[in-house]
Amino acid sequence: MKTLPDERKADVRIAGGRVLTQDGPADADLLLAGGRIADLAEPGEGPAAAHTVRADGLLVLPGLVDAHTHSYAQLCRHGLATDRLEPWLPGAVASGAGLTAEGAAVAATLSAVDALRHGATTTLDHATLGEGHAQALVDAYSAVGARVALAAQVQDVAFADSLHGVAPDVRADVAAADTRGAPTTESQILRCRELIEAAAGHDRITVLLGPSTPERCSGALLDAVAALAAEHGLGLHVHLLETPQQRAGGDSLGILADHGLLRAGLSVAHGVHLDAADLARLHEAGAALVHNPLSNLSLGSGRLDLRAVLEAGVTVGLGCDSWTTGGPQDPLAQARLALHNTRPEEPAAAWLTPGDVWALAAAGGAAAIGLGDELGVLAPGAHADLLLVDPLAAGIIDGVDLPMQLVMGGLGHGLREAWVAGRPVLRDGLPLHVDLGAIAARAAELQPALAAATAEQQPLADRLAALLSSTVPQTTVA
């Protein structure tokens, strides 16, 4: 990473703040140029800047990363988790049946603002794309000014055929009842290409390809995804081994490997039921895992052994998942839950520390989605994505370990501004570049049509849920 030559002016100097560097808090000025951090300078020293922002008395923190979410659920909140994943999924699909391209844009705007309010300047949106959705999502995130990794969530296998860990007779009953069919392989690759085209030239938007799960994708689709990713140099994002049924269904990680998808640039969401051999394969391949602790509990999927993942050397980020399974887009709340999630089953000597999970909420999430060293840190060369926080309003005491306080207490009411690419995008809880009141009003106006579309599919969703609820065993915690 290069620092700014002394003879060149910085665009912005953020002066007088206490900066959380990789070595700890320091009194320093941040010099920004071209949307990146050019240098950290002693207060008042270094090259001049075209514009100075005073941050006296404030903490300057790296922007956090929500490394797995589904923005649609911000609008489709009637799809709240009420059962385990397999029986809940038909209802979740029904909740989004009426989602238009405009609805997808409204949901993405709400999701981006929600994330910014909780300090997440970057999200990974694992998005199912309908007609026109790709351009709508790109436009929405661009308008807010947030940074996003958009992962095109694709699948082409009928629901019953994706239930690998469910008894054959139940799968047959589900197949007989399910009249929805499945998208074609060609249509799913077309959606991926639409997203690649829509995002071209948007420097705050990264495109990933996101097979929903190995079980929901044919071999032909996985091969096509691998080829398209290679053609465009794209990363990959996939749900993996979230539930005991998926574990019982066979070697999901092996399926990805067989189709050339187990590689660096792959991040897997959930991974609750990965075993030691799986973790070794992830590490060897250079793939990452995104831990979604609240969603895993919300859907009764289980509790990830985070220490085992970290000890295996796997890169880990944190995800908030959808509004309907993970609540607000708050990486620090997820970090706090990740810290305490498995303590009842562990000896105290094995408990993780706040410092362990702080790293996952920022730099770990950046690395998981393929932007390591560029996000989640305040260092020369990194994107100028940062937070200005009032420590008094956040309940932070000077002289006490800062990452520990952030994990345990969050940002409270202290977030004053969130910056992305060297410019403020949120101030005192409100976005600066979109009319949130108008967006919220439009979200309310869209609810009747969404409810009507859901009502049409609800009887089928209830029938499928009834077939599956009695066959999905409760998860036991080791």
Protein backbone atom coordinates (compact mmCIF):
# COMPACT_ATOMS: atom_id res chain seq x y z
CA MET A 1 0.00 0.00 0.00
CA LYS A 2 1.34 3.40 -0.97
CA THR A 3 1.07 6.55 1.05
CA LEU A 4 0.32 9.95 -0.40
CA PRO A 5 3.37 11.86 -1.66
CA ASP A 6 3.91 15.01 0.39
CA GLU A 7 3.67 17.25 -2.66
CA ARG A 8 0.14 16.07 -3.51
CA LYS A 9 -2.92 17.47 -1.78
CA ALA A 10 -5.34 15.09 -0.12
CA ASP A 11 -9.02 15.46 -0.95
CA VAL A 12 -10.07 15.35 2.73
CA ARG A 13 -8.37 15.46 6.12
CA ILE A 14 -10.37 14.00 9.00
CA ALA A 15 -8.68 15.79 11.86
CA GLY A 16 -8.67 15.54 15.62
CA GLY A 17 -10.22 12.12 16.02
CA ARG A 18 -9.00 9.01 17.80
CA VAL A 19 -8.43 6.44 15.06
CA LEU A 20 -8.80 2.69 15.62
CA THR A 21 -5.84 1.31 13.68
CA GLN A 22 -4.76 -2.30 13.42
CA ASP A 23 -2.36 -1.59 16.29
CA GLY A 24 -5.01 0.00 18.48
CA PRO A 25 -6.42 3.51 19.01
CA ALA A 26 -4.17 6.41 18.02
CA ASP A 27 -4.50 10.17 17.88
CA ALA A 28 -4.05 10.74 14.16
CA ASP A 29 -5.43 12.56 11.15
CA LEU A 30 -6.75 10.54 8.23
CA LEU A 31 -5.83 11.81 4.77
CA LEU A 32 -8.21 10.70 2.03
CA ALA A 33 -7.63 10.83 -1.71
CA GLY A 34 -9.59 9.28 -4.55
CA GLY A 35 -11.97 7.51 -2.19
CA ARG A 36 -9.16 5.73 -0.34
CA ILE A 37 -7.05 6.31 2.73
CA ALA A 38 -3.87 7.96 1.55
CA ASP A 39 -2.12 8.17 4.91
CA LEU A 40 -2.40 8.42 8.66
CA ALA A 41 -0.56 11.51 9.83
CA GLU A 42 0.38 13.01 13.13
CA PRO A 43 -2.30 15.57 14.07
CA GLY A 44 -1.85 18.67 11.92
CA GLU A 45 1.13 17.26 10.01
CA GLY A 46 1.58 15.93 6.49
CA PRO A 47 0.34 17.35 3.18
CA ALA A 48 -2.49 19.85 2.97
CA ALA A 49 -6.01 18.81 2.12
CA ALA A 50 -8.62 20.49 0.00
CA HIS A 51 -11.20 20.02 2.76
CA THR A 52 -10.89 19.39 6.49
CA VAL A 53 -13.49 17.65 8.63
CA ARG A 54 -13.10 18.13 12.37
CA ALA A 55 -13.58 14.95 14.39
CA ASP A 56 -12.55 16.32 17.79
CA GLY A 57 -13.73 14.08 20.59
CA LEU A 58 -14.90 11.40 18.16
CA LEU A 59 -13.72 7.88 17.47
CA VAL A 60 -12.84 7.05 13.86
CA LEU A 61 -13.60 3.38 13.25
CA PRO A 62 -13.38 1.16 10.19
CA GLY A 63 -16.69 0.47 8.47
CA LEU A 64 -18.08 -2.94 9.40
CA VAL A 65 -19.01 -5.70 6.95
CA ASP A 66 -22.24 -7.71 6.88
CA ALA A 67 -21.01 -10.64 4.80
CA HIS A 68 -24.35 -12.38 4.21
CA THR A 69 -27.86 -11.02 3.91
CA HIS A 70 -30.95 -11.15 1.71
CA SER A 71 -32.27 -7.63 1.15
CA TYR A 72 -35.70 -8.70 -0.14
CA ALA A 73 -36.80 -9.55 3.41
CA GLN A 74 -36.69 -5.89 4.46
CA LEU A 75 -39.90 -5.48 2.45
CA CYS A 76 -41.26 -9.03 2.90
CA ARG A 77 -41.28 -8.98 6.70
CA HIS A 78 -44.41 -11.14 6.80
CA GLY A 79 -42.08 -14.07 5.99
CA LEU A 80 -40.73 -14.14 9.56
CA ALA A 81 -39.11 -17.43 10.59
CA THR A 82 -41.68 -19.65 12.31
CA ASP A 83 -40.20 -23.10 11.74
CA ARG A 84 -36.97 -24.86 10.83
CA LEU A 85 -35.43 -24.12 7.46
CA GLU A 86 -36.95 -26.88 5.31
CA PRO A 87 -40.61 -26.40 6.32
CA TRP A 88 -40.18 -22.62 6.48
CA LEU A 89 -38.73 -22.19 2.99
CA PRO A 90 -42.01 -22.53 1.02
CA GLY A 91 -43.53 -19.76 3.12
CA ALA A 92 -40.43 -17.63 2.69
CA VAL A 93 -40.70 -18.05 -1.07
CA ALA A 94 -44.40 -17.16 -0.89
CA SER A 95 -43.60 -13.98 1.03
CA GLY A 96 -41.54 -12.71 -1.90
CA ALA A 97 -43.79 -13.96 -4.69
CA GLY A 98 -45.08 -10.48 -5.47
CA LEU A 99 -41.71 -8.73 -5.36
CA THR A 100 -41.37 -6.53 -8.44
CA ALA A 101 -38.21 -4.82 -9.61
CA GLU A 102 -39.39 -1.66 -7.84
CA GLY A 103 -40.02 -3.67 -4.67
CA ALA A 104 -36.54 -5.14 -4.87
CA ALA A 105 -35.10 -1.62 -5.09
CA VAL A 106 -37.14 -0.40 -2.11
CA ALA A 107 -36.04 -3.44 -0.09
CA ALA A 108 -32.39 -2.94 -1.02
CA THR A 109 -32.57 0.72 -0.02
CA LEU A 110 -34.06 -0.18 3.36
CA SER A 111 -31.43 -2.89 3.82
CA ALA A 112 -28.54 -0.59 2.95
CA VAL A 113 -29.75 2.13 5.31
CA ASP A 114 -30.38 -0.41 8.07
CA ALA A 115 -26.82 -1.68 7.68
CA LEU A 116 -25.33 1.82 7.67
CA ARG A 117 -27.23 2.69 10.86
CA HIS A 118 -25.47 -0.22 12.54
CA GLY A 119 -22.04 0.67 11.18
CA ALA A 120 -21.97 -1.75 8.22
CA THR A 121 -20.74 0.22 5.25
CA THR A 122 -20.55 -2.96 3.15
CA THR A 123 -23.05 -5.78 2.76
CA LEU A 124 -23.13 -8.97 0.74
CA ASP A 125 -26.64 -9.28 -0.68
CA HIS A 126 -27.39 -12.87 -1.75
CA ALA A 127 -30.20 -11.83 -4.09
CA THR A 128 -32.74 -13.88 -6.01
CA LEU A 129 -33.19 -11.96 -9.24
CA GLY A 130 -36.49 -11.61 -11.04
CA GLU A 131 -37.01 -9.75 -14.29
CA GLY A 132 -35.43 -6.31 -14.06
CA HIS A 133 -34.18 -6.86 -10.51
CA ALA A 134 -30.48 -6.67 -11.34
CA GLN A 135 -30.63 -3.10 -12.63
CA ALA A 136 -33.03 -2.10 -9.86
CA LEU A 137 -30.67 -3.36 -7.15
CA VAL A 138 -27.64 -1.70 -8.70
CA ASP A 139 -29.51 1.60 -8.96
CA ALA A 140 -30.75 1.38 -5.36
CA TYR A 141 -27.37 0.69 -3.81
CA SER A 142 -25.75 3.33 -5.99
CA ALA A 143 -28.29 5.93 -4.88
CA VAL A 144 -27.70 5.25 -1.18
CA GLY A 145 -23.94 5.31 -1.71
CA ALA A 146 -23.35 2.07 0.18
CA ARG A 147 -20.81 -0.55 -0.84
CA VAL A 148 -22.25 -3.95 -1.75
CA ALA A 149 -21.22 -7.34 -3.03
CA LEU A 150 -24.21 -8.52 -5.06
CA ALA A 151 -24.33 -12.31 -5.31
CA ALA A 152 -26.79 -13.62 -7.88
CA GLN A 153 -28.62 -16.42 -6.03
CA VAL A 154 -29.45 -19.11 -8.58
CA GLN A 155 -31.02 -22.57 -8.51
CA ASP A 156 -32.69 -24.90 -11.02
CA VAL A 157 -33.73 -27.96 -8.98
CA ALA A 158 -37.31 -28.51 -7.84
CA PHE A 159 -37.87 -28.15 -4.10
CA ALA A 160 -38.56 -31.84 -3.46
CA ASP A 161 -35.42 -32.88 -5.31
CA SER A 162 -33.33 -30.54 -3.16
CA LEU A 163 -34.38 -32.31 0.07
CA HIS A 164 -31.50 -34.77 0.13
CA GLY A 165 -31.66 -35.45 3.84
CA VAL A 166 -35.40 -36.12 3.98
CA ALA A 167 -36.98 -39.58 3.76
CA PRO A 168 -37.81 -40.69 0.18
CA ASP A 169 -41.52 -41.13 0.89
CA VAL A 170 -41.76 -37.59 2.24
CA ARG A 171 -39.87 -36.25 -0.76
CA ALA A 172 -42.34 -38.06 -3.01
CA ASP A 173 -45.29 -36.50 -1.17
CA VAL A 174 -43.69 -33.06 -1.45
CA ALA A 175 -43.08 -33.57 -5.17
CA ALA A 176 -46.70 -34.62 -5.70
CA ALA A 177 -48.01 -31.57 -3.86
CA ASP A 178 -45.61 -28.96 -5.24
CA THR A 179 -46.89 -27.33 -8.42
CA ARG A 180 -44.32 -24.54 -8.60
CA GLY A 181 -41.71 -26.16 -10.82
CA ALA A 182 -38.16 -24.81 -11.02
CA PRO A 183 -36.35 -22.18 -13.08
CA THR A 184 -34.39 -23.35 -16.09
CA THR A 185 -30.62 -23.45 -16.09
CA GLU A 186 -30.56 -21.00 -18.97
CA SER A 187 -32.77 -18.47 -17.20
CA GLN A 188 -30.52 -18.52 -14.14
CA ILE A 189 -27.37 -17.89 -16.14
CA LEU A 190 -29.19 -15.10 -17.97
CA ARG A 191 -29.91 -13.43 -14.61
CA CYS A 192 -26.22 -13.68 -13.73
CA ARG A 193 -25.23 -12.04 -17.00
CA GLU A 194 -27.81 -9.28 -16.44
CA LEU A 195 -26.25 -8.52 -13.07
CA ILE A 196 -22.73 -8.47 -14.49
CA GLU A 197 -23.86 -6.02 -17.17
CA ALA A 198 -25.86 -3.82 -14.77
CA ALA A 199 -22.96 -3.48 -12.33
CA ALA A 200 -20.30 -2.73 -14.91
CA GLY A 201 -18.53 0.52 -14.13
CA HIS A 202 -19.89 0.83 -10.58
CA ASP A 203 -16.81 0.92 -8.39
CA ARG A 204 -18.71 0.37 -5.12
CA ILE A 205 -20.47 -2.76 -6.42
CA THR A 206 -18.80 -6.16 -6.61
CA VAL A 207 -20.55 -9.00 -8.44
CA LEU A 208 -20.43 -12.56 -7.16
CA LEU A 209 -22.16 -15.68 -8.42
CA GLY A 210 -24.24 -17.33 -5.73
CA PRO A 211 -25.59 -20.87 -6.21
CA SER A 212 -28.27 -21.12 -3.51
CA THR A 213 -27.02 -24.47 -2.18
CA PRO A 214 -25.35 -27.41 -3.92
CA GLU A 215 -28.60 -29.36 -3.38
CA ARG A 216 -30.68 -26.78 -5.23
CA CYS A 217 -28.47 -26.65 -8.32
CA SER A 218 -28.03 -29.15 -11.12
CA GLY A 219 -24.56 -30.18 -12.21
CA ALA A 220 -25.19 -28.28 -15.44
CA LEU A 221 -25.90 -25.07 -13.54
CA LEU A 222 -22.85 -25.46 -11.31
CA ASP A 223 -20.67 -26.03 -14.37
CA ALA A 224 -22.14 -22.96 -16.07
CA VAL A 225 -21.57 -20.86 -12.94
CA ALA A 226 -17.97 -22.04 -12.75
CA ALA A 227 -17.40 -21.14 -16.39
CA LEU A 228 -19.03 -17.71 -16.07
CA ALA A 229 -17.08 -16.92 -12.90
CA ALA A 230 -13.84 -17.86 -14.65
CA GLU A 231 -14.77 -15.78 -17.68
CA HIS A 232 -15.29 -12.63 -15.62
CA GLY A 233 -12.97 -13.27 -12.68
CA LEU A 234 -15.80 -13.39 -10.15
CA GLY A 235 -15.99 -14.72 -6.62
CA LEU A 236 -18.60 -17.17 -5.38
CA HIS A 237 -21.04 -17.28 -2.47
CA VAL A 238 -23.22 -20.23 -1.44
CA HIS A 239 -25.30 -21.51 1.47
CA LEU A 240 -23.68 -24.69 2.78
CA LEU A 241 -24.57 -27.33 5.37
CA GLU A 242 -26.92 -25.08 7.26
CA THR A 243 -29.12 -27.87 8.64
CA PRO A 244 -28.76 -31.48 9.79
CA GLN A 245 -30.79 -32.57 6.75
CA GLN A 246 -28.22 -31.11 4.39
CA ARG A 247 -25.48 -32.93 6.32
CA ALA A 248 -27.44 -36.18 6.05
CA GLY A 249 -27.89 -35.64 2.34
CA GLY A 250 -24.25 -36.29 1.44
CA ASP A 251 -21.05 -34.44 0.67
CA SER A 252 -22.19 -30.92 -0.23
CA LEU A 253 -18.65 -29.58 -0.19
CA GLY A 254 -17.59 -32.41 -2.48
CA ILE A 255 -20.26 -31.37 -4.98
CA LEU A 256 -18.76 -27.89 -5.13
CA ALA A 257 -15.30 -29.39 -5.55
CA ASP A 258 -16.46 -31.68 -8.35
CA HIS A 259 -17.64 -28.66 -10.32
CA GLY A 260 -14.59 -26.50 -9.76
CA LEU A 261 -16.22 -24.19 -7.22
CA LEU A 262 -14.21 -25.09 -4.11
CA ARG A 263 -11.48 -22.49 -4.50
CA ALA A 264 -10.15 -19.17 -3.31
CA GLY A 265 -12.85 -16.56 -3.78
CA LEU A 266 -15.59 -18.87 -2.45
CA SER A 267 -17.42 -17.95 0.74
CA VAL A 268 -19.92 -20.33 2.30
CA ALA A 269 -22.74 -19.07 4.51
CA HIS A 270 -23.76 -20.86 7.72
CA GLY A 271 -21.67 -24.07 7.59
CA VAL A 272 -23.17 -25.12 10.93
CA HIS A 273 -22.68 -28.80 10.20
CA LEU A 274 -19.22 -28.77 8.63
CA ASP A 275 -16.99 -31.44 10.14
CA ALA A 276 -13.24 -31.36 10.73
CA ALA A 277 -12.48 -32.82 7.32
CA ASP A 278 -14.68 -30.20 5.64
CA LEU A 279 -12.91 -27.40 7.49
CA ALA A 280 -9.56 -28.75 6.38
CA ARG A 281 -10.78 -28.75 2.78
CA LEU A 282 -12.05 -25.19 3.07
CA HIS A 283 -8.73 -24.04 4.47
CA GLU A 284 -6.70 -25.85 1.84
CA ALA A 285 -8.82 -24.36 -0.93
CA GLY A 286 -8.52 -20.82 0.46
CA ALA A 287 -12.29 -20.54 0.85
CA ALA A 288 -14.01 -18.60 3.64
CA LEU A 289 -16.98 -19.09 5.95
CA VAL A 290 -19.64 -16.53 6.94
CA HIS A 291 -21.06 -17.18 10.41
CA ASN A 292 -24.72 -16.20 10.93
CA PRO A 293 -25.30 -16.99 14.60
CA LEU A 294 -28.71 -15.38 15.11
CA SER A 295 -30.18 -16.86 11.93
CA ASN A 296 -28.83 -20.29 12.87
CA LEU A 297 -30.74 -20.04 16.17
CA SER A 298 -33.81 -18.40 14.64
CA LEU A 299 -34.33 -21.35 12.29
CA GLY A 300 -33.24 -23.95 14.82
CA SER A 301 -30.39 -25.03 12.56
CA GLY A 302 -27.78 -25.44 15.28
CA ARG A 303 -24.76 -23.69 16.73
CA LEU A 304 -21.55 -23.43 14.77
CA ASP A 305 -18.38 -24.42 16.59
CA LEU A 306 -16.65 -21.14 15.77
CA ARG A 307 -13.48 -21.97 17.66
CA ALA A 308 -13.02 -25.12 15.56
CA VAL A 309 -13.41 -23.08 12.39
CA LEU A 310 -10.85 -20.52 13.50
CA GLU A 311 -8.41 -23.17 14.70
CA ALA A 312 -8.69 -24.83 11.28
CA GLY A 313 -7.31 -21.61 9.79
CA VAL A 314 -10.46 -20.76 7.84
CA THR A 315 -11.16 -17.08 7.15
CA VAL A 316 -14.41 -16.07 8.88
CA GLY A 317 -16.78 -13.15 8.46
CA LEU A 318 -20.11 -12.41 10.12
CA GLY A 319 -23.51 -12.25 8.45
CA CYS A 320 -26.83 -10.88 9.66
CA ASP A 321 -28.88 -12.86 7.13
CA SER A 322 -32.34 -11.63 6.25
CA TRP A 323 -34.53 -9.36 8.37
CA THR A 324 -36.88 -12.32 8.86
CA THR A 325 -34.24 -14.62 10.36
CA GLY A 326 -31.53 -12.33 11.69
CA GLY A 327 -33.21 -9.05 12.55
CA PRO A 328 -31.38 -5.78 11.92
CA GLN A 329 -28.23 -5.63 9.85
CA ASP A 330 -26.02 -5.24 12.93
CA PRO A 331 -22.62 -6.97 12.71
CA LEU A 332 -21.68 -6.05 16.28
CA ALA A 333 -24.81 -7.76 17.62
CA GLN A 334 -23.83 -10.84 15.61
CA ALA A 335 -20.30 -10.60 17.01
CA ARG A 336 -21.66 -10.48 20.55
CA LEU A 337 -23.82 -13.55 19.93
CA ALA A 338 -20.94 -15.36 18.23
CA LEU A 339 -18.84 -14.70 21.33
CA HIS A 340 -21.37 -16.29 23.69
CA ASN A 341 -23.15 -18.74 21.39
CA THR A 342 -21.54 -22.00 22.52
CA ARG A 343 -20.32 -21.09 26.00
CA PRO A 344 -22.85 -23.35 27.77
CA GLU A 345 -21.24 -26.38 26.13
CA GLU A 346 -17.58 -25.30 26.48
CA PRO A 347 -15.10 -25.11 29.32
CA ALA A 348 -14.31 -21.52 30.23
CA ALA A 349 -10.71 -22.00 29.15
CA ALA A 350 -11.95 -22.52 25.59
CA TRP A 351 -14.16 -19.44 25.39
CA LEU A 352 -13.49 -16.95 22.61
CA THR A 353 -12.62 -13.36 23.51
CA PRO A 354 -14.19 -10.11 22.26
CA GLY A 355 -11.01 -9.46 20.30
CA ASP A 356 -11.47 -12.74 18.46
CA VAL A 357 -14.90 -11.79 17.17
CA TRP A 358 -14.23 -8.06 16.62
CA ALA A 359 -11.87 -9.06 13.84
CA LEU A 360 -14.68 -11.01 12.15
CA ALA A 361 -17.05 -8.03 12.07
CA ALA A 362 -14.68 -5.87 10.05
CA ALA A 363 -11.52 -7.22 8.42
CA GLY A 364 -12.73 -10.82 8.53
CA GLY A 365 -15.90 -9.98 6.65
CA ALA A 366 -13.92 -8.05 4.06
CA ALA A 367 -11.60 -11.00 3.50
CA ALA A 368 -14.53 -13.41 3.32
CA ILE A 369 -16.12 -11.56 0.41
CA GLY A 370 -12.86 -11.08 -1.46
CA LEU A 371 -11.96 -7.53 -0.39
CA GLY A 372 -9.32 -8.26 2.22
CA ASP A 373 -6.90 -5.38 3.00
CA GLU A 374 -9.31 -2.99 1.26
CA LEU A 375 -12.12 -2.87 3.83
CA GLY A 376 -12.52 -3.22 7.56
CA VAL A 377 -9.21 -1.50 8.32
CA LEU A 378 -8.03 2.10 8.52
CA ALA A 379 -4.70 1.84 6.73
CA PRO A 380 -3.08 3.46 3.70
CA GLY A 381 -4.49 2.04 0.48
CA ALA A 382 -7.77 0.82 1.98
CA HIS A 383 -11.11 2.20 0.87
CA ALA A 384 -12.11 5.25 2.91
CA ASP A 385 -15.12 3.48 4.44
CA LEU A 386 -15.31 4.62 8.04
CA LEU A 387 -17.47 5.60 11.01
CA LEU A 388 -17.40 8.71 13.17
CA VAL A 389 -18.66 7.77 16.63
CA ASP A 390 -19.33 9.84 19.73
CA PRO A 391 -17.91 7.69 22.54
CA LEU A 392 -20.11 9.31 25.19
CA ALA A 393 -23.33 8.52 23.30
CA ALA A 394 -22.00 5.03 22.59
CA GLY A 395 -21.22 4.42 26.26
CA ILE A 396 -17.49 3.95 25.60
CA ILE A 397 -14.93 4.76 28.28
CA ASP A 398 -11.48 5.95 27.29
CA GLY A 399 -8.58 3.78 28.43
CA VAL A 400 -10.49 0.49 28.30
CA ASP A 401 -9.96 -1.99 25.44
CA LEU A 402 -11.91 -0.46 22.56
CA PRO A 403 -12.74 -3.54 20.42
CA MET A 404 -13.96 -5.28 23.59
CA GLN A 405 -16.29 -2.36 24.34
CA LEU A 406 -17.59 -2.29 20.76
CA VAL A 407 -18.39 -6.00 20.79
CA MET A 408 -20.01 -5.97 24.21
CA GLY A 409 -21.86 -2.66 23.90
CA GLY A 410 -22.22 -1.94 20.20
CA LEU A 411 -22.45 1.61 18.90
CA GLY A 412 -25.39 2.58 21.09
CA HIS A 413 -26.59 6.01 20.00
CA GLY A 414 -23.10 7.16 19.15
CA LEU A 415 -22.86 6.79 15.37
CA ARG A 416 -22.64 10.30 13.98
CA GLU A 417 -21.61 9.62 10.40
CA ALA A 418 -20.89 6.70 8.09
CA TRP A 419 -18.58 7.29 5.12
CA VAL A 420 -18.13 5.19 2.00
CA ALA A 421 -15.42 5.84 -0.60
CA GLY A 422 -14.36 9.04 1.09
CA ARG A 423 -17.73 10.75 1.43
CA PRO A 424 -20.44 10.75 4.10
CA VAL A 425 -23.54 8.71 3.24
CA LEU A 426 -25.35 8.70 6.61
CA ARG A 427 -25.54 11.33 9.34
CA ASP A 428 -27.34 11.00 12.68
CA GLY A 429 -29.23 7.93 11.53
CA LEU A 430 -30.48 9.29 8.22
CA PRO A 431 -29.13 8.67 4.72
CA LEU A 432 -27.82 11.75 2.96
CA HIS A 433 -28.53 10.83 -0.66
CA VAL A 434 -32.04 9.28 -0.66
CA ASP A 435 -35.35 10.41 0.81
CA LEU A 436 -35.94 7.76 3.44
CA GLY A 437 -39.42 9.09 4.23
CA ALA A 438 -40.48 8.59 0.62
CA ILE A 439 -38.93 5.12 0.53
CA ALA A 440 -40.71 4.09 3.74
CA ALA A 441 -44.00 5.44 2.41
CA ARG A 442 -43.58 3.48 -0.81
CA ALA A 443 -42.74 0.34 1.19
CA ALA A 444 -46.08 0.70 2.98
CA GLU A 445 -47.91 1.21 -0.32
CA LEU A 446 -46.44 -2.00 -1.72
CA GLN A 447 -47.58 -4.16 1.20
CA PRO A 448 -51.14 -4.95 0.00
CA ALA A 449 -49.94 -6.32 -3.34
CA LEU A 450 -47.24 -8.36 -1.60
CA ALA A 451 -49.78 -9.75 0.86
CA ALA A 452 -52.15 -10.68 -1.96
CA ALA A 453 -49.43 -12.50 -3.89
CA THR A 454 -48.40 -14.34 -0.73
CA ALA A 455 -52.00 -15.32 0.02
CA GLU A 456 -52.24 -17.05 -3.35
CA GLN A 457 -49.28 -19.28 -2.52
CA GLN A 458 -49.92 -19.71 1.20
CA PRO A 459 -52.14 -22.82 0.99
CA LEU A 460 -49.40 -24.65 -0.95
CA ALA A 461 -46.74 -23.37 1.43
CA ASP A 462 -48.78 -24.60 4.40
CA ARG A 463 -49.26 -28.01 2.77
CA LEU A 464 -45.53 -28.39 2.12
CA ALA A 465 -44.67 -27.20 5.61
CA ALA A 466 -47.05 -29.74 7.12
CA LEU A 467 -45.42 -32.54 5.15
CA LEU A 468 -41.97 -31.51 6.33
CA SER A 469 -42.49 -30.30 9.89
CA SER A 470 -43.03 -33.77 11.35
CA THR A 471 -39.99 -35.21 9.58
CA VAL A 472 -37.41 -32.57 10.50
CA PRO A 473 -35.83 -33.62 13.78
CA GLN A 474 -34.82 -31.17 16.45
CA THR A 475 -31.17 -30.24 16.39
CA THR A 476 -29.12 -31.47 19.30
CA VAL A 477 -26.16 -29.48 20.61
CA ALA A 478 -23.04 -31.48 21.37
